[in-house]
Amino acid sequence: MIKYFIFVPNLLSIIRIFLVYPILNNIYLGNFYSGIIFFIIAAITDALDGFLARKMDWHTNLGKILDPVADKLLLSGTVFILWLNNFIPFYIFIIFISRDLAILIGAAIQMSFIESVTPSPNLLGKLTTSVQIIYISIIFLKELFVFNFPFIALDILIVLISSISLIVYANGWYRDLSKYYYD
């Protein structure tokens, strides 16, 4: 009976993908109340699908692809629309997008040349994603409650953790590729 529930995390990732449009559309239209509700639901599906996959051992090959794709669509799309509407600075947009693109390209290279299985995220990558979700949530709250304080400290934190995460991923890919080519 339990084996039939193995696809629940995949369903949660698919729900997260479908939530991307309402989130982006509501941000674009300036409807932050609806946008944050959809964003919170998406964040909960992210946490829940990861929890179920780990604790219940409900892993599938499809889920190993769906989960990071859903994360990238959600975070990159949200950051893009926030930047487009001048809620975040351009350099934050570039850092988010560059990291996500580099991770997708690195994972594709790793899957193509080194091993055919999808690479697992590291702890720093998960922490970075969590911090990025918190950052976006703070932007939502700032717009909802119209409080104004300098975001420079948060911006610096996001830039640092995203850059360090990318360096750690790149170092891992370099090591893996070095082993592949020199072994």
N, C-alpha and C. Protein backbone atom coordinates (compact mmCIF):
# COMPACT_ATOMS: atom_id res chain seq x y z
N MET A 1 0.83 -1.20 0.00
CA MET A 1 0.00 0.00 0.00
C MET A 1 0.87 1.26 0.00
N ILE A 2 1.91 1.28 0.84
CA ILE A 2 2.79 2.45 0.95
C ILE A 2 3.47 2.74 -0.38
N LYS A 3 3.79 1.71 -1.16
CA LYS A 3 4.50 1.93 -2.42
C LYS A 3 3.72 2.82 -3.37
N TYR A 4 2.40 2.90 -3.21
CA TYR A 4 1.59 3.75 -4.07
C TYR A 4 1.75 5.23 -3.73
N PHE A 5 2.26 5.52 -2.56
CA PHE A 5 2.45 6.91 -2.14
C PHE A 5 3.81 7.46 -2.55
N ILE A 6 4.64 6.66 -3.17
CA ILE A 6 5.98 7.07 -3.55
C ILE A 6 5.97 8.28 -4.49
N PHE A 7 4.86 8.48 -5.20
CA PHE A 7 4.77 9.59 -6.15
C PHE A 7 4.22 10.88 -5.53
N VAL A 8 3.91 10.86 -4.23
CA VAL A 8 3.41 12.07 -3.57
C VAL A 8 4.42 13.22 -3.65
N PRO A 9 5.72 12.98 -3.37
CA PRO A 9 6.68 14.09 -3.53
C PRO A 9 6.70 14.64 -4.96
N ASN A 10 6.56 13.76 -5.96
CA ASN A 10 6.52 14.23 -7.36
C ASN A 10 5.30 15.12 -7.59
N LEU A 11 4.17 14.71 -7.05
CA LEU A 11 2.95 15.50 -7.18
C LEU A 11 3.14 16.88 -6.53
N LEU A 12 3.79 16.91 -5.39
CA LEU A 12 4.05 18.19 -4.72
C LEU A 12 4.96 19.08 -5.56
N SER A 13 5.95 18.49 -6.23
CA SER A 13 6.83 19.27 -7.11
C SER A 13 6.05 19.81 -8.31
N ILE A 14 5.15 19.00 -8.84
CA ILE A 14 4.32 19.44 -9.97
C ILE A 14 3.40 20.58 -9.53
N ILE A 15 2.83 20.47 -8.34
CA ILE A 15 2.00 21.55 -7.81
C ILE A 15 2.83 22.83 -7.70
N ARG A 16 4.07 22.70 -7.23
CA ARG A 16 4.94 23.87 -7.10
C ARG A 16 5.20 24.50 -8.47
N ILE A 17 5.39 23.68 -9.48
CA ILE A 17 5.60 24.20 -10.84
C ILE A 17 4.36 24.96 -11.30
N PHE A 18 3.18 24.41 -11.05
CA PHE A 18 1.94 25.09 -11.45
C PHE A 18 1.68 26.37 -10.66
N LEU A 19 2.25 26.48 -9.47
CA LEU A 19 2.08 27.69 -8.67
C LEU A 19 2.96 28.85 -9.14
N VAL A 20 3.95 28.55 -9.97
CA VAL A 20 4.87 29.60 -10.43
C VAL A 20 4.12 30.71 -11.15
N TYR A 21 3.25 30.36 -12.08
CA TYR A 21 2.53 31.41 -12.83
C TYR A 21 1.68 32.31 -11.92
N PRO A 22 0.83 31.74 -11.04
CA PRO A 22 0.05 32.65 -10.18
C PRO A 22 0.93 33.54 -9.28
N ILE A 23 2.06 33.01 -8.84
CA ILE A 23 2.97 33.82 -8.02
C ILE A 23 3.50 34.98 -8.85
N LEU A 24 4.04 34.68 -10.02
CA LEU A 24 4.64 35.71 -10.86
C LEU A 24 3.60 36.73 -11.32
N ASN A 25 2.44 36.25 -11.71
CA ASN A 25 1.39 37.14 -12.17
C ASN A 25 0.93 38.07 -11.06
N ASN A 26 0.77 37.55 -9.85
CA ASN A 26 0.34 38.39 -8.74
C ASN A 26 1.40 39.42 -8.36
N ILE A 27 2.67 39.03 -8.41
CA ILE A 27 3.73 40.00 -8.14
C ILE A 27 3.71 41.09 -9.21
N TYR A 28 3.62 40.68 -10.45
CA TYR A 28 3.62 41.63 -11.56
C TYR A 28 2.47 42.63 -11.44
N LEU A 29 1.30 42.13 -11.02
CA LEU A 29 0.13 42.98 -10.87
C LEU A 29 0.12 43.77 -9.56
N GLY A 30 1.11 43.51 -8.70
CA GLY A 30 1.19 44.21 -7.43
C GLY A 30 0.27 43.66 -6.37
N ASN A 31 -0.26 42.47 -6.58
CA ASN A 31 -1.16 41.83 -5.62
C ASN A 31 -0.32 40.92 -4.70
N PHE A 32 0.35 41.54 -3.74
CA PHE A 32 1.27 40.79 -2.90
C PHE A 32 0.58 39.88 -1.90
N TYR A 33 -0.66 40.18 -1.54
CA TYR A 33 -1.38 39.30 -0.61
C TYR A 33 -1.58 37.92 -1.24
N SER A 34 -2.10 37.87 -2.44
CA SER A 34 -2.28 36.59 -3.13
C SER A 34 -0.93 35.98 -3.47
N GLY A 35 0.00 36.82 -3.92
CA GLY A 35 1.33 36.32 -4.29
C GLY A 35 2.02 35.62 -3.14
N ILE A 36 1.96 36.21 -1.94
CA ILE A 36 2.65 35.58 -0.81
C ILE A 36 1.94 34.31 -0.37
N ILE A 37 0.64 34.27 -0.49
CA ILE A 37 -0.08 33.03 -0.14
C ILE A 37 0.35 31.90 -1.07
N PHE A 38 0.38 32.17 -2.38
CA PHE A 38 0.84 31.15 -3.32
C PHE A 38 2.31 30.79 -3.06
N PHE A 39 3.12 31.80 -2.75
CA PHE A 39 4.53 31.55 -2.49
C PHE A 39 4.72 30.68 -1.24
N ILE A 40 3.95 30.95 -0.20
CA ILE A 40 4.04 30.14 1.03
C ILE A 40 3.60 28.70 0.75
N ILE A 41 2.53 28.54 -0.02
CA ILE A 41 2.09 27.18 -0.39
C ILE A 41 3.20 26.47 -1.16
N ALA A 42 3.84 27.18 -2.09
CA ALA A 42 4.93 26.59 -2.86
C ALA A 42 6.10 26.22 -1.95
N ALA A 43 6.44 27.09 -1.00
CA ALA A 43 7.54 26.80 -0.07
C ALA A 43 7.20 25.59 0.80
N ILE A 44 5.95 25.48 1.21
CA ILE A 44 5.52 24.32 2.02
C ILE A 44 5.61 23.04 1.19
N THR A 45 5.19 23.09 -0.07
CA THR A 45 5.30 21.88 -0.91
C THR A 45 6.76 21.48 -1.08
N ASP A 46 7.65 22.48 -1.16
CA ASP A 46 9.08 22.18 -1.28
C ASP A 46 9.58 21.46 -0.03
N ALA A 47 9.25 22.00 1.13
CA ALA A 47 9.69 21.37 2.39
C ALA A 47 9.06 20.00 2.56
N LEU A 48 7.78 19.89 2.23
CA LEU A 48 7.07 18.62 2.41
C LEU A 48 7.57 17.54 1.46
N ASP A 49 7.81 17.89 0.21
CA ASP A 49 8.28 16.84 -0.70
C ASP A 49 9.68 16.36 -0.31
N GLY A 50 10.52 17.27 0.16
CA GLY A 50 11.85 16.86 0.63
C GLY A 50 11.76 15.98 1.87
N PHE A 51 10.89 16.36 2.79
CA PHE A 51 10.70 15.58 4.01
C PHE A 51 10.20 14.17 3.68
N LEU A 52 9.19 14.08 2.84
CA LEU A 52 8.63 12.76 2.49
C LEU A 52 9.64 11.91 1.73
N ALA A 53 10.38 12.53 0.83
CA ALA A 53 11.37 11.77 0.07
C ALA A 53 12.45 11.20 1.00
N ARG A 54 12.89 12.00 1.99
CA ARG A 54 13.93 11.54 2.91
C ARG A 54 13.40 10.58 3.96
N LYS A 55 12.38 11.00 4.67
CA LYS A 55 11.91 10.22 5.83
C LYS A 55 11.14 8.96 5.44
N MET A 56 10.40 9.02 4.36
CA MET A 56 9.61 7.86 3.95
C MET A 56 10.33 7.06 2.86
N ASP A 57 11.48 7.58 2.43
CA ASP A 57 12.26 6.95 1.37
C ASP A 57 11.45 6.83 0.08
N TRP A 58 10.71 7.90 -0.23
CA TRP A 58 9.89 7.95 -1.43
C TRP A 58 10.65 8.67 -2.54
N HIS A 59 11.75 8.07 -2.97
CA HIS A 59 12.58 8.65 -4.02
C HIS A 59 12.21 8.03 -5.36
N THR A 60 12.17 8.86 -6.39
CA THR A 60 12.02 8.36 -7.76
C THR A 60 13.01 9.12 -8.64
N ASN A 61 13.34 8.53 -9.78
CA ASN A 61 14.22 9.23 -10.72
C ASN A 61 13.56 10.50 -11.23
N LEU A 62 12.26 10.44 -11.46
CA LEU A 62 11.53 11.63 -11.89
C LEU A 62 11.61 12.72 -10.83
N GLY A 63 11.46 12.35 -9.57
CA GLY A 63 11.52 13.31 -8.48
C GLY A 63 12.87 13.99 -8.36
N LYS A 64 13.93 13.26 -8.68
CA LYS A 64 15.28 13.84 -8.62
C LYS A 64 15.46 14.94 -9.66
N ILE A 65 14.63 14.93 -10.69
CA ILE A 65 14.67 15.98 -11.70
C ILE A 65 13.61 17.05 -11.42
N LEU A 66 12.39 16.59 -11.08
CA LEU A 66 11.29 17.53 -10.85
C LEU A 66 11.56 18.51 -9.72
N ASP A 67 12.08 18.04 -8.60
CA ASP A 67 12.27 18.90 -7.44
C ASP A 67 13.21 20.07 -7.74
N PRO A 68 14.41 19.83 -8.26
CA PRO A 68 15.27 20.98 -8.54
C PRO A 68 14.73 21.88 -9.65
N VAL A 69 14.05 21.29 -10.64
CA VAL A 69 13.46 22.12 -11.69
C VAL A 69 12.39 23.03 -11.11
N ALA A 70 11.54 22.47 -10.23
CA ALA A 70 10.50 23.28 -9.59
C ALA A 70 11.12 24.39 -8.75
N ASP A 71 12.19 24.06 -8.02
CA ASP A 71 12.89 25.08 -7.22
C ASP A 71 13.44 26.19 -8.10
N LYS A 72 14.10 25.79 -9.18
CA LYS A 72 14.72 26.79 -10.07
C LYS A 72 13.66 27.66 -10.72
N LEU A 73 12.57 27.07 -11.18
CA LEU A 73 11.49 27.86 -11.79
C LEU A 73 10.89 28.84 -10.79
N LEU A 74 10.63 28.35 -9.59
CA LEU A 74 10.02 29.18 -8.56
C LEU A 74 10.94 30.34 -8.18
N LEU A 75 12.17 30.03 -7.81
CA LEU A 75 13.08 31.08 -7.34
C LEU A 75 13.54 32.00 -8.46
N SER A 76 13.94 31.44 -9.58
CA SER A 76 14.41 32.29 -10.69
C SER A 76 13.29 33.15 -11.24
N GLY A 77 12.11 32.55 -11.40
CA GLY A 77 10.97 33.31 -11.90
C GLY A 77 10.58 34.43 -10.96
N THR A 78 10.55 34.14 -9.67
CA THR A 78 10.17 35.15 -8.68
C THR A 78 11.20 36.27 -8.64
N VAL A 79 12.46 35.92 -8.64
CA VAL A 79 13.51 36.94 -8.63
C VAL A 79 13.46 37.78 -9.90
N PHE A 80 13.21 37.14 -11.02
CA PHE A 80 13.11 37.88 -12.28
C PHE A 80 11.99 38.92 -12.22
N ILE A 81 10.82 38.51 -11.77
CA ILE A 81 9.68 39.43 -11.74
C ILE A 81 9.88 40.51 -10.68
N LEU A 82 10.52 40.15 -9.56
CA LEU A 82 10.83 41.16 -8.54
C LEU A 82 11.81 42.20 -9.09
N TRP A 83 12.80 41.75 -9.83
CA TRP A 83 13.75 42.67 -10.44
C TRP A 83 13.06 43.53 -11.51
N LEU A 84 12.25 42.87 -12.34
CA LEU A 84 11.56 43.57 -13.42
C LEU A 84 10.69 44.71 -12.87
N ASN A 85 10.12 44.51 -11.70
CA ASN A 85 9.28 45.53 -11.08
C ASN A 85 10.03 46.39 -10.07
N ASN A 86 11.36 46.33 -10.12
CA ASN A 86 12.23 47.18 -9.28
C ASN A 86 12.09 46.95 -7.79
N PHE A 87 11.82 45.72 -7.37
CA PHE A 87 11.76 45.41 -5.94
C PHE A 87 13.09 44.90 -5.41
N ILE A 88 13.96 44.45 -6.31
CA ILE A 88 15.31 44.02 -5.91
C ILE A 88 16.30 44.60 -6.90
N PRO A 89 17.55 44.78 -6.47
CA PRO A 89 18.56 45.34 -7.38
C PRO A 89 19.00 44.32 -8.44
N PHE A 90 19.53 44.85 -9.52
CA PHE A 90 19.97 44.03 -10.65
C PHE A 90 21.01 42.99 -10.24
N TYR A 91 21.96 43.37 -9.38
CA TYR A 91 23.03 42.43 -9.01
C TYR A 91 22.47 41.22 -8.25
N ILE A 92 21.40 41.38 -7.50
CA ILE A 92 20.78 40.23 -6.82
C ILE A 92 20.17 39.30 -7.87
N PHE A 93 19.48 39.89 -8.83
CA PHE A 93 18.92 39.11 -9.94
C PHE A 93 20.02 38.31 -10.64
N ILE A 94 21.13 38.97 -10.95
CA ILE A 94 22.24 38.31 -11.66
C ILE A 94 22.82 37.17 -10.82
N ILE A 95 23.01 37.40 -9.53
CA ILE A 95 23.57 36.35 -8.66
C ILE A 95 22.65 35.14 -8.61
N PHE A 96 21.35 35.37 -8.39
CA PHE A 96 20.38 34.26 -8.35
C PHE A 96 20.40 33.47 -9.66
N ILE A 97 20.25 34.19 -10.77
CA ILE A 97 20.14 33.54 -12.07
C ILE A 97 21.45 32.86 -12.46
N SER A 98 22.57 33.51 -12.22
CA SER A 98 23.87 32.92 -12.56
C SER A 98 24.10 31.63 -11.80
N ARG A 99 23.80 31.64 -10.50
CA ARG A 99 23.98 30.43 -9.70
C ARG A 99 23.09 29.31 -10.21
N ASP A 100 21.82 29.62 -10.46
CA ASP A 100 20.90 28.58 -10.92
C ASP A 100 21.29 28.03 -12.29
N LEU A 101 21.68 28.91 -13.20
CA LEU A 101 22.12 28.45 -14.52
C LEU A 101 23.39 27.61 -14.42
N ALA A 102 24.33 28.05 -13.61
CA ALA A 102 25.57 27.30 -13.44
C ALA A 102 25.30 25.92 -12.85
N ILE A 103 24.40 25.85 -11.88
CA ILE A 103 24.07 24.57 -11.26
C ILE A 103 23.39 23.65 -12.28
N LEU A 104 22.47 24.19 -13.07
CA LEU A 104 21.82 23.36 -14.09
C LEU A 104 22.81 22.87 -15.13
N ILE A 105 23.69 23.75 -15.58
CA ILE A 105 24.70 23.35 -16.57
C ILE A 105 25.67 22.34 -15.97
N GLY A 106 26.13 22.62 -14.75
CA GLY A 106 27.04 21.69 -14.08
C GLY A 106 26.42 20.32 -13.87
N ALA A 107 25.16 20.29 -13.48
CA ALA A 107 24.47 19.01 -13.28
C ALA A 107 24.32 18.27 -14.61
N ALA A 108 24.01 19.00 -15.67
CA ALA A 108 23.88 18.38 -16.99
C ALA A 108 25.21 17.79 -17.45
N ILE A 109 26.30 18.52 -17.23
CA ILE A 109 27.62 18.01 -17.60
C ILE A 109 27.97 16.79 -16.76
N GLN A 110 27.71 16.87 -15.47
CA GLN A 110 28.00 15.75 -14.59
C GLN A 110 27.21 14.52 -15.01
N MET A 111 25.93 14.70 -15.33
CA MET A 111 25.10 13.57 -15.74
C MET A 111 25.53 13.02 -17.09
N SER A 112 26.03 13.88 -17.96
CA SER A 112 26.42 13.45 -19.30
C SER A 112 27.77 12.75 -19.34
N PHE A 113 28.74 13.28 -18.61
CA PHE A 113 30.10 12.79 -18.73
C PHE A 113 30.56 11.89 -17.59
N ILE A 114 30.08 12.15 -16.40
CA ILE A 114 30.63 11.46 -15.24
C ILE A 114 29.76 10.29 -14.81
N GLU A 115 28.50 10.55 -14.60
CA GLU A 115 27.60 9.50 -14.15
C GLU A 115 26.22 9.81 -14.69
N SER A 116 25.43 8.77 -14.87
CA SER A 116 24.12 8.97 -15.48
C SER A 116 23.04 9.28 -14.44
N VAL A 117 23.39 9.30 -13.18
CA VAL A 117 22.40 9.60 -12.15
C VAL A 117 22.40 11.10 -11.86
N THR A 118 21.27 11.59 -11.38
CA THR A 118 21.19 13.01 -11.05
C THR A 118 22.02 13.31 -9.81
N PRO A 119 22.79 14.39 -9.83
CA PRO A 119 23.61 14.74 -8.67
C PRO A 119 22.74 15.16 -7.49
N SER A 120 23.24 14.87 -6.31
CA SER A 120 22.51 15.24 -5.10
C SER A 120 22.92 16.63 -4.65
N PRO A 121 21.96 17.39 -4.15
CA PRO A 121 22.33 18.72 -3.63
C PRO A 121 23.13 18.58 -2.34
N ASN A 122 24.01 19.54 -2.10
CA ASN A 122 24.77 19.49 -0.86
C ASN A 122 24.07 20.35 0.20
N LEU A 123 24.55 20.26 1.42
CA LEU A 123 23.93 20.99 2.54
C LEU A 123 23.98 22.50 2.31
N LEU A 124 25.09 23.01 1.79
CA LEU A 124 25.19 24.44 1.54
C LEU A 124 24.20 24.88 0.47
N GLY A 125 23.98 24.03 -0.53
CA GLY A 125 22.99 24.34 -1.57
C GLY A 125 21.59 24.43 -1.00
N LYS A 126 21.27 23.51 -0.10
CA LYS A 126 19.95 23.54 0.54
C LYS A 126 19.82 24.78 1.43
N LEU A 127 20.88 25.10 2.14
CA LEU A 127 20.88 26.30 2.99
C LEU A 127 20.70 27.55 2.13
N THR A 128 21.40 27.60 1.01
CA THR A 128 21.30 28.75 0.11
C THR A 128 19.88 28.91 -0.40
N THR A 129 19.27 27.81 -0.82
CA THR A 129 17.89 27.86 -1.29
C THR A 129 16.97 28.37 -0.18
N SER A 130 17.17 27.90 1.04
CA SER A 130 16.35 28.34 2.17
C SER A 130 16.52 29.84 2.43
N VAL A 131 17.77 30.30 2.38
CA VAL A 131 18.04 31.73 2.60
C VAL A 131 17.42 32.56 1.48
N GLN A 132 17.47 32.05 0.26
CA GLN A 132 16.87 32.77 -0.87
C GLN A 132 15.35 32.85 -0.70
N ILE A 133 14.72 31.78 -0.24
CA ILE A 133 13.28 31.79 0.01
C ILE A 133 12.95 32.81 1.10
N ILE A 134 13.75 32.85 2.15
CA ILE A 134 13.54 33.82 3.22
C ILE A 134 13.71 35.24 2.68
N TYR A 135 14.72 35.47 1.88
CA TYR A 135 14.96 36.78 1.28
C TYR A 135 13.74 37.23 0.47
N ILE A 136 13.24 36.36 -0.38
CA ILE A 136 12.07 36.69 -1.20
C ILE A 136 10.86 36.95 -0.29
N SER A 137 10.70 36.16 0.74
CA SER A 137 9.59 36.36 1.69
C SER A 137 9.67 37.73 2.36
N ILE A 138 10.89 38.14 2.70
CA ILE A 138 11.08 39.46 3.32
C ILE A 138 10.70 40.57 2.34
N ILE A 139 11.02 40.37 1.06
CA ILE A 139 10.62 41.35 0.05
C ILE A 139 9.09 41.45 0.00
N PHE A 140 8.43 40.28 0.02
CA PHE A 140 6.96 40.27 0.05
C PHE A 140 6.45 41.05 1.27
N LEU A 141 6.99 40.73 2.44
CA LEU A 141 6.54 41.38 3.67
C LEU A 141 6.77 42.88 3.64
N LYS A 142 7.90 43.27 3.08
CA LYS A 142 8.21 44.70 2.95
C LYS A 142 7.13 45.39 2.13
N GLU A 143 6.70 44.76 1.06
CA GLU A 143 5.68 45.36 0.20
C GLU A 143 4.29 45.30 0.85
N LEU A 144 4.02 44.23 1.57
CA LEU A 144 2.71 44.09 2.22
C LEU A 144 2.53 45.09 3.36
N PHE A 145 3.55 45.26 4.15
CA PHE A 145 3.43 46.08 5.35
C PHE A 145 4.12 47.44 5.22
N VAL A 146 4.60 47.74 4.03
CA VAL A 146 5.19 49.01 3.68
C VAL A 146 6.18 49.51 4.74
N PHE A 147 7.10 48.64 5.10
CA PHE A 147 8.18 49.12 5.96
C PHE A 147 9.41 49.33 5.11
N ASN A 148 10.15 50.31 5.49
CA ASN A 148 11.29 50.69 4.69
C ASN A 148 12.54 50.71 5.56
N PHE A 149 13.43 49.80 5.27
CA PHE A 149 14.73 49.81 5.92
C PHE A 149 15.75 49.38 4.88
N PRO A 150 17.00 49.73 5.11
CA PRO A 150 18.02 49.39 4.10
C PRO A 150 18.21 47.87 4.02
N PHE A 151 18.16 47.38 2.81
CA PHE A 151 18.31 45.95 2.57
C PHE A 151 19.74 45.55 2.26
N ILE A 152 20.67 46.47 2.38
CA ILE A 152 22.05 46.20 1.97
C ILE A 152 22.65 45.01 2.71
N ALA A 153 22.36 44.87 4.00
CA ALA A 153 22.90 43.73 4.76
C ALA A 153 22.33 42.41 4.23
N LEU A 154 21.04 42.39 3.95
CA LEU A 154 20.43 41.18 3.38
C LEU A 154 20.96 40.90 1.98
N ASP A 155 21.12 41.97 1.20
CA ASP A 155 21.67 41.81 -0.15
C ASP A 155 23.08 41.21 -0.10
N ILE A 156 23.90 41.72 0.81
CA ILE A 156 25.27 41.20 0.94
C ILE A 156 25.24 39.74 1.38
N LEU A 157 24.38 39.40 2.32
CA LEU A 157 24.25 38.01 2.76
C LEU A 157 23.87 37.09 1.60
N ILE A 158 22.91 37.51 0.80
CA ILE A 158 22.48 36.70 -0.34
C ILE A 158 23.61 36.54 -1.35
N VAL A 159 24.30 37.63 -1.64
CA VAL A 159 25.42 37.56 -2.58
C VAL A 159 26.50 36.62 -2.06
N LEU A 160 26.85 36.74 -0.79
CA LEU A 160 27.90 35.89 -0.21
C LEU A 160 27.53 34.42 -0.22
N ILE A 161 26.36 34.10 0.33
CA ILE A 161 25.99 32.69 0.44
C ILE A 161 25.77 32.06 -0.93
N SER A 162 25.19 32.82 -1.86
CA SER A 162 24.99 32.29 -3.22
C SER A 162 26.32 32.07 -3.92
N SER A 163 27.25 33.02 -3.75
CA SER A 163 28.57 32.89 -4.38
C SER A 163 29.36 31.74 -3.78
N ILE A 164 29.34 31.61 -2.46
CA ILE A 164 30.06 30.51 -1.81
C ILE A 164 29.47 29.17 -2.25
N SER A 165 28.14 29.10 -2.31
CA SER A 165 27.48 27.87 -2.75
C SER A 165 27.92 27.50 -4.17
N LEU A 166 27.95 28.49 -5.05
CA LEU A 166 28.37 28.23 -6.43
C LEU A 166 29.82 27.76 -6.48
N ILE A 167 30.69 28.36 -5.69
CA ILE A 167 32.10 27.95 -5.65
C ILE A 167 32.24 26.52 -5.16
N VAL A 168 31.46 26.15 -4.15
CA VAL A 168 31.50 24.77 -3.63
C VAL A 168 31.03 23.79 -4.70
N TYR A 169 29.93 24.12 -5.37
CA TYR A 169 29.45 23.26 -6.46
C TYR A 169 30.50 23.14 -7.56
N ALA A 170 31.06 24.28 -7.99
CA ALA A 170 32.05 24.29 -9.07
C ALA A 170 33.28 23.48 -8.69
N ASN A 171 33.72 23.59 -7.44
CA ASN A 171 34.86 22.82 -6.97
C ASN A 171 34.56 21.32 -7.05
N GLY A 172 33.36 20.92 -6.66
CA GLY A 172 32.96 19.52 -6.75
C GLY A 172 32.94 19.02 -8.19
N TRP A 173 32.42 19.85 -9.10
CA TRP A 173 32.39 19.45 -10.51
C TRP A 173 33.80 19.33 -11.05
N TYR A 174 34.68 20.26 -10.67
CA TYR A 174 36.06 20.21 -11.13
C TYR A 174 36.74 18.92 -10.65
N ARG A 175 36.55 18.59 -9.36
CA ARG A 175 37.12 17.35 -8.82
C ARG A 175 36.59 16.13 -9.56
N ASP A 176 35.26 16.10 -9.78
CA ASP A 176 34.66 14.95 -10.47
C ASP A 176 35.16 14.84 -11.90
N LEU A 177 35.24 15.97 -12.61
CA LEU A 177 35.73 15.94 -13.98
C LEU A 177 37.21 15.58 -14.04
N SER A 178 37.99 16.06 -13.07
CA SER A 178 39.41 15.72 -13.01
C SER A 178 39.59 14.21 -12.83
N LYS A 179 38.83 13.63 -11.93
CA LYS A 179 38.89 12.18 -11.73
C LYS A 179 38.51 11.44 -12.99
N TYR A 180 37.47 11.92 -13.66
CA TYR A 180 36.96 11.27 -14.88
C TYR A 180 38.00 11.28 -15.97
N TYR A 181 38.65 12.43 -16.16
CA TYR A 181 39.60 12.55 -17.26
C TYR A 181 41.00 12.02 -16.93
N TYR A 182 41.39 12.00 -15.66
CA TYR A 182 42.75 11.61 -15.32
C TYR A 182 42.84 10.23 -14.70
N ASP A 183 41.72 9.57 -14.49
CA ASP A 183 41.77 8.20 -13.95
C ASP A 183 41.80 7.16 -15.04
